[in-house]
Amino acid sequence: MDLQLKDKRAVVTGSTAGIGFAIAEALALEGAAVVVNGRTRERVVSAVNEIRRHTPHANVRGIAADLSTPAGIATLCSDTPEAEILVNNLGVFEAKSFASITDADWQRVWETNVMPGVRLSRHYLPKMLAPNWGRIVFISSESAVNIPVEMIHYGVTKTAQVSLARGLAETTTGTGVTVNSILAGPTRSEGVERFVQGLAKSEGVDEATIEREFFSKMRPSSLLKRFASPREVANLVAYVCSPLSSATNGAALRADGGVLRSIL
């Protein structure tokens, strides 16, 4: 299927690995002009080269900027003042009991998971509304609905993203601009990969055992019963970024492997 993304200018935050990288690669494969973002130049260059290796004619470049800070946002917006597609993917998580989550922890997770989407949408949304076309996508999580007891602060920021996306969508009424969020389920991202490997090593078992135990004890409602691949999430995001998704606006779409049991 042609997603009609050729030459559409796309910014994907936090896209040097995991879901963000898979999204950037999927958009580049569809012909979009993609800006990859990460905190360090080395990671950005590596990601850009990897996309070009898989898609030799990809129109892709990178910008190193820490988007959890206003200075990093300013760097990106100065480098790429206009975009037709903005994918707010940047995010961090950590397993920590509620009593152990400090004010600094709350602030760090909020500034990384929520505020970049606020600031970048404030910059790019008016530039989409003017020509009457654009796509903003927030990569949220099933944790926005099922707040995980082991990382409540993360779940709160994911809920905030869904609310932010819906609120912004309300400002696009009657236009060709859409704003949506994606509720990703447990996905084998770089961070999850490290978590599984570390747990397997500490418990003296293989990674497959850890994965089975995770879905048996932590996410028993999963229908997939495995970690999704970043590409499986990216496939949905690429469609939502395309002109073909014009009737989808203000939605929280699921790529959660069936973890959420509610039908609405």
Protein backbone atom coordinates (compact mmCIF):
# COMPACT_ATOMS: atom_id res chain seq x y z
CA MET A 1 0.00 0.00 0.00
CA ASP A 2 1.25 3.47 -0.88
CA LEU A 3 0.85 5.61 2.23
CA GLN A 4 1.30 8.80 0.16
CA LEU A 5 4.12 10.04 2.36
CA LYS A 6 6.64 10.86 -0.34
CA ASP A 7 8.54 14.07 0.54
CA LYS A 8 6.44 14.75 3.64
CA ARG A 9 8.72 16.36 6.23
CA ALA A 10 8.75 14.33 9.43
CA VAL A 11 10.38 14.82 12.83
CA VAL A 12 10.62 11.77 15.09
CA THR A 13 11.89 12.46 18.60
CA GLY A 14 13.96 9.93 20.51
CA SER A 15 14.50 7.95 17.33
CA THR A 16 17.98 6.45 17.60
CA ALA A 17 16.67 3.10 18.86
CA GLY A 18 13.58 1.08 19.65
CA ILE A 19 10.11 2.24 18.61
CA GLY A 20 11.35 5.69 17.57
CA PHE A 21 13.97 4.23 15.26
CA ALA A 22 11.44 1.82 13.75
CA ILE A 23 9.05 4.72 13.11
CA ALA A 24 11.76 6.83 11.47
CA GLU A 25 12.76 3.88 9.30
CA ALA A 26 9.16 3.11 8.31
CA LEU A 27 8.51 6.74 7.32
CA ALA A 28 11.77 6.89 5.34
CA LEU A 29 10.84 3.67 3.55
CA GLU A 30 7.59 5.35 2.50
CA GLY A 31 9.53 8.27 1.01
CA ALA A 32 9.16 10.85 3.77
CA ALA A 33 11.99 13.28 4.51
CA VAL A 34 12.83 12.21 8.06
CA VAL A 35 14.71 13.98 10.85
CA VAL A 36 16.13 11.55 13.40
CA ASN A 37 16.74 12.84 16.92
CA GLY A 38 18.80 11.69 19.87
CA ARG A 39 20.83 13.22 22.67
CA THR A 40 24.30 12.47 21.28
CA ARG A 41 25.80 12.97 17.86
CA GLU A 42 27.26 9.46 17.86
CA ARG A 43 23.88 7.81 18.37
CA VAL A 44 22.21 10.03 15.80
CA VAL A 45 24.86 9.36 13.14
CA SER A 46 24.66 5.64 13.81
CA ALA A 47 20.86 5.61 13.44
CA VAL A 48 20.92 7.64 10.23
CA ASN A 49 23.56 5.35 8.72
CA GLU A 50 21.54 2.28 9.72
CA ILE A 51 18.41 3.60 8.00
CA ARG A 52 20.42 4.42 4.89
CA ARG A 53 21.90 0.93 4.92
CA HIS A 54 18.44 -0.63 4.82
CA THR A 55 16.95 2.03 2.52
CA PRO A 56 19.79 3.35 0.33
CA HIS A 57 17.73 6.18 -1.18
CA ALA A 58 16.23 7.32 2.12
CA ASN A 59 15.88 11.05 2.64
CA VAL A 60 17.04 11.10 6.25
CA ARG A 61 19.23 13.28 8.42
CA GLY A 62 19.79 13.75 12.13
CA ILE A 63 19.92 16.37 14.84
CA ALA A 64 21.48 15.82 18.26
CA ALA A 65 19.53 17.64 20.97
CA ASP A 66 18.32 16.84 24.49
CA LEU A 67 14.63 17.57 24.09
CA SER A 68 13.95 17.30 27.82
CA THR A 69 15.31 20.85 28.03
CA PRO A 70 14.04 24.11 26.48
CA ALA A 71 17.52 24.62 25.00
CA GLY A 72 17.29 21.27 23.20
CA ILE A 73 13.85 22.15 21.84
CA ALA A 74 15.23 25.47 20.57
CA THR A 75 18.09 23.64 18.83
CA LEU A 76 15.71 21.31 17.01
CA CYS A 77 13.24 24.03 16.04
CA SER A 78 16.05 26.22 14.72
CA ASP A 79 17.46 23.33 12.69
CA THR A 80 14.06 22.20 11.43
CA PRO A 81 11.65 25.15 11.62
CA GLU A 82 8.83 23.41 9.74
CA ALA A 83 7.49 19.88 9.59
CA GLU A 84 4.30 18.26 8.33
CA ILE A 85 4.61 15.24 10.63
CA LEU A 86 5.65 15.29 14.28
CA VAL A 87 6.00 12.02 16.17
CA ASN A 88 6.47 12.64 19.90
CA ASN A 89 8.21 9.40 20.82
CA LEU A 90 10.82 10.49 23.34
CA GLY A 91 10.32 8.85 26.72
CA VAL A 92 11.99 7.24 29.71
CA PHE A 93 10.84 4.74 32.31
CA GLU A 94 12.15 3.18 35.48
CA ALA A 95 10.82 0.60 37.90
CA LYS A 96 10.57 2.20 41.33
CA SER A 97 8.21 1.88 44.28
CA PHE A 98 5.96 4.89 44.83
CA ALA A 99 7.51 5.78 48.19
CA SER A 100 10.95 5.84 46.56
CA ILE A 101 10.00 8.22 43.74
CA THR A 102 11.48 11.59 44.65
CA ASP A 103 10.40 15.01 43.44
CA ALA A 104 13.46 15.00 41.19
CA ASP A 105 12.34 11.67 39.68
CA TRP A 106 8.87 13.03 39.00
CA GLN A 107 10.30 16.18 37.45
CA ARG A 108 12.76 14.27 35.23
CA VAL A 109 10.15 11.86 33.88
CA TRP A 110 7.63 14.68 33.32
CA GLU A 111 10.16 16.90 31.54
CA THR A 112 11.19 14.01 29.28
CA ASN A 113 7.87 12.30 28.57
CA VAL A 114 5.43 15.20 28.46
CA MET A 115 7.01 18.62 27.98
CA PRO A 116 8.83 17.92 24.68
CA GLY A 117 5.45 17.08 23.13
CA VAL A 118 3.96 20.26 24.57
CA ARG A 119 6.78 22.47 23.33
CA LEU A 120 7.20 20.92 19.90
CA SER A 121 3.46 20.85 19.23
CA ARG A 122 3.28 24.51 20.21
CA HIS A 123 5.93 25.20 17.58
CA TYR A 124 4.80 22.93 14.74
CA LEU A 125 1.00 22.84 15.04
CA PRO A 126 0.42 26.43 13.81
CA LYS A 127 2.72 25.68 10.87
CA MET A 128 0.52 22.70 9.99
CA LEU A 129 -2.74 24.57 10.39
CA ALA A 130 -1.66 27.36 8.03
CA PRO A 131 -1.43 25.11 4.92
CA ASN A 132 -4.24 22.92 6.32
CA TRP A 133 -2.37 19.61 6.56
CA GLY A 134 -0.34 17.88 9.22
CA ARG A 135 -0.01 14.94 11.58
CA ILE A 136 0.98 14.92 15.25
CA VAL A 137 1.31 11.56 16.97
CA PHE A 138 2.10 10.89 20.62
CA ILE A 139 3.62 7.50 21.46
CA SER A 140 1.87 6.71 24.72
CA SER A 141 1.36 3.29 26.31
CA GLU A 142 -1.20 0.88 27.70
CA SER A 143 0.26 2.09 30.99
CA ALA A 144 -1.80 5.25 30.42
CA VAL A 145 -4.85 3.14 31.28
CA ASN A 146 -3.38 0.36 33.40
CA ILE A 147 -1.12 2.47 35.63
CA PRO A 148 1.73 0.11 36.61
CA VAL A 149 2.25 -0.08 40.34
CA GLU A 150 5.98 -0.55 39.78
CA MET A 151 6.32 2.81 37.98
CA ILE A 152 3.38 5.06 38.77
CA HIS A 153 5.17 8.22 37.65
CA TYR A 154 5.67 6.73 34.17
CA GLY A 155 1.99 5.78 33.91
CA VAL A 156 0.90 9.27 34.92
CA THR A 157 2.97 10.83 32.12
CA LYS A 158 1.51 8.40 29.59
CA THR A 159 -2.02 9.37 30.66
CA ALA A 160 -1.02 13.02 30.29
CA GLN A 161 0.11 12.39 26.71
CA VAL A 162 -3.28 10.94 25.79
CA SER A 163 -5.03 13.95 27.33
CA LEU A 164 -2.68 16.35 25.58
CA ALA A 165 -3.25 14.69 22.22
CA ARG A 166 -7.01 14.85 22.61
CA GLY A 167 -6.91 18.48 23.70
CA LEU A 168 -4.75 19.45 20.73
CA ALA A 169 -7.04 17.53 18.39
CA GLU A 170 -9.90 19.74 19.54
CA THR A 171 -8.02 22.74 18.15
CA THR A 172 -7.91 21.15 14.66
CA THR A 173 -11.68 20.93 14.14
CA GLY A 174 -12.62 21.12 10.46
CA THR A 175 -9.01 21.12 9.24
CA GLY A 176 -6.68 18.68 7.49
CA VAL A 177 -4.55 18.35 10.63
CA THR A 178 -4.93 15.41 13.00
CA VAL A 179 -3.54 14.65 16.45
CA ASN A 180 -3.64 11.11 17.84
CA SER A 181 -1.95 8.95 20.45
CA ILE A 182 -0.76 5.37 20.22
CA LEU A 183 -1.14 3.05 23.20
CA ALA A 184 1.84 0.77 22.74
CA GLY A 185 2.00 -2.43 24.73
CA PRO A 186 5.08 -4.17 26.14
CA THR A 187 7.58 -3.80 23.32
CA ARG A 188 11.10 -5.14 22.94
CA SER A 189 12.74 -1.71 22.91
CA GLU A 190 16.35 -1.08 23.86
CA GLY A 191 15.39 -0.37 27.47
CA VAL A 192 13.22 -3.46 27.76
CA GLU A 193 15.96 -5.56 26.18
CA ARG A 194 18.42 -4.42 28.86
CA PHE A 195 15.83 -5.05 31.58
CA VAL A 196 15.16 -8.61 30.38
CA GLN A 197 18.84 -9.40 29.97
CA GLY A 198 19.69 -8.08 33.42
CA LEU A 199 16.86 -9.97 35.08
CA ALA A 200 17.77 -13.20 33.27
CA LYS A 201 21.38 -12.87 34.41
CA SER A 202 20.48 -12.12 38.02
CA GLU A 203 18.04 -15.04 38.23
CA GLY A 204 20.21 -17.47 36.28
CA VAL A 205 17.62 -18.26 33.63
CA ASP A 206 17.28 -17.57 29.92
CA GLU A 207 15.51 -14.54 28.46
CA ALA A 208 12.62 -16.62 27.13
CA THR A 209 11.81 -17.68 30.69
CA ILE A 210 11.80 -14.07 31.86
CA GLU A 211 9.47 -13.13 29.00
CA ARG A 212 7.04 -15.93 29.84
CA GLU A 213 7.05 -14.99 33.53
CA PHE A 214 6.49 -11.32 32.70
CA PHE A 215 3.34 -12.04 30.74
CA SER A 216 2.17 -14.62 33.26
CA LYS A 217 2.57 -12.38 36.32
CA MET A 218 2.87 -8.72 35.20
CA ARG A 219 0.67 -8.57 32.07
CA PRO A 220 -1.57 -11.66 32.32
CA SER A 221 -4.31 -10.06 30.17
CA SER A 222 -2.01 -9.91 27.13
CA LEU A 223 -3.40 -11.77 24.13
CA LEU A 224 -0.07 -11.59 22.29
CA LYS A 225 1.85 -13.24 25.15
CA ARG A 226 5.15 -11.82 23.94
CA PHE A 227 6.88 -8.49 23.55
CA ALA A 228 5.86 -6.76 20.35
CA SER A 229 8.62 -5.73 18.00
CA PRO A 230 9.21 -2.00 17.49
CA ARG A 231 8.31 -2.47 13.82
CA GLU A 232 4.86 -3.81 14.75
CA VAL A 233 4.13 -0.54 16.56
CA ALA A 234 5.76 1.54 13.82
CA ASN A 235 3.49 0.07 11.16
CA LEU A 236 0.44 1.57 12.87
CA VAL A 237 2.19 4.89 13.40
CA ALA A 238 3.18 5.14 9.73
CA TYR A 239 -0.47 4.72 8.72
CA VAL A 240 -1.64 7.33 11.25
CA CYS A 241 0.95 9.75 9.79
CA SER A 242 -0.36 9.27 6.25
CA PRO A 243 -3.03 11.16 4.31
CA LEU A 244 -4.99 7.89 4.25
CA SER A 245 -5.80 8.28 7.97
CA SER A 246 -7.69 11.56 7.52
CA ALA A 247 -10.82 10.33 9.37
CA THR A 248 -8.81 9.40 12.47
CA ASN A 249 -8.43 12.37 14.81
CA GLY A 250 -8.40 12.72 18.59
CA ALA A 251 -8.09 8.95 18.96
CA ALA A 252 -6.10 6.76 21.32
CA LEU A 253 -5.21 3.82 19.09
CA ARG A 254 -3.95 0.53 20.48
CA ALA A 255 -0.91 -1.50 19.55
CA ASP A 256 -0.94 -3.12 22.97
CA GLY A 257 -1.13 -6.81 22.14
CA GLY A 258 -4.55 -7.04 23.74
CA VAL A 259 -3.38 -6.11 27.25
CA LEU A 260 -6.30 -3.69 27.69
CA ARG A 261 -9.54 -5.59 28.19
CA SER A 262 -11.96 -2.69 27.78
CA ILE A 263 -13.61 -2.59 24.35
CA LEU A 264 -13.82 1.23 24.26
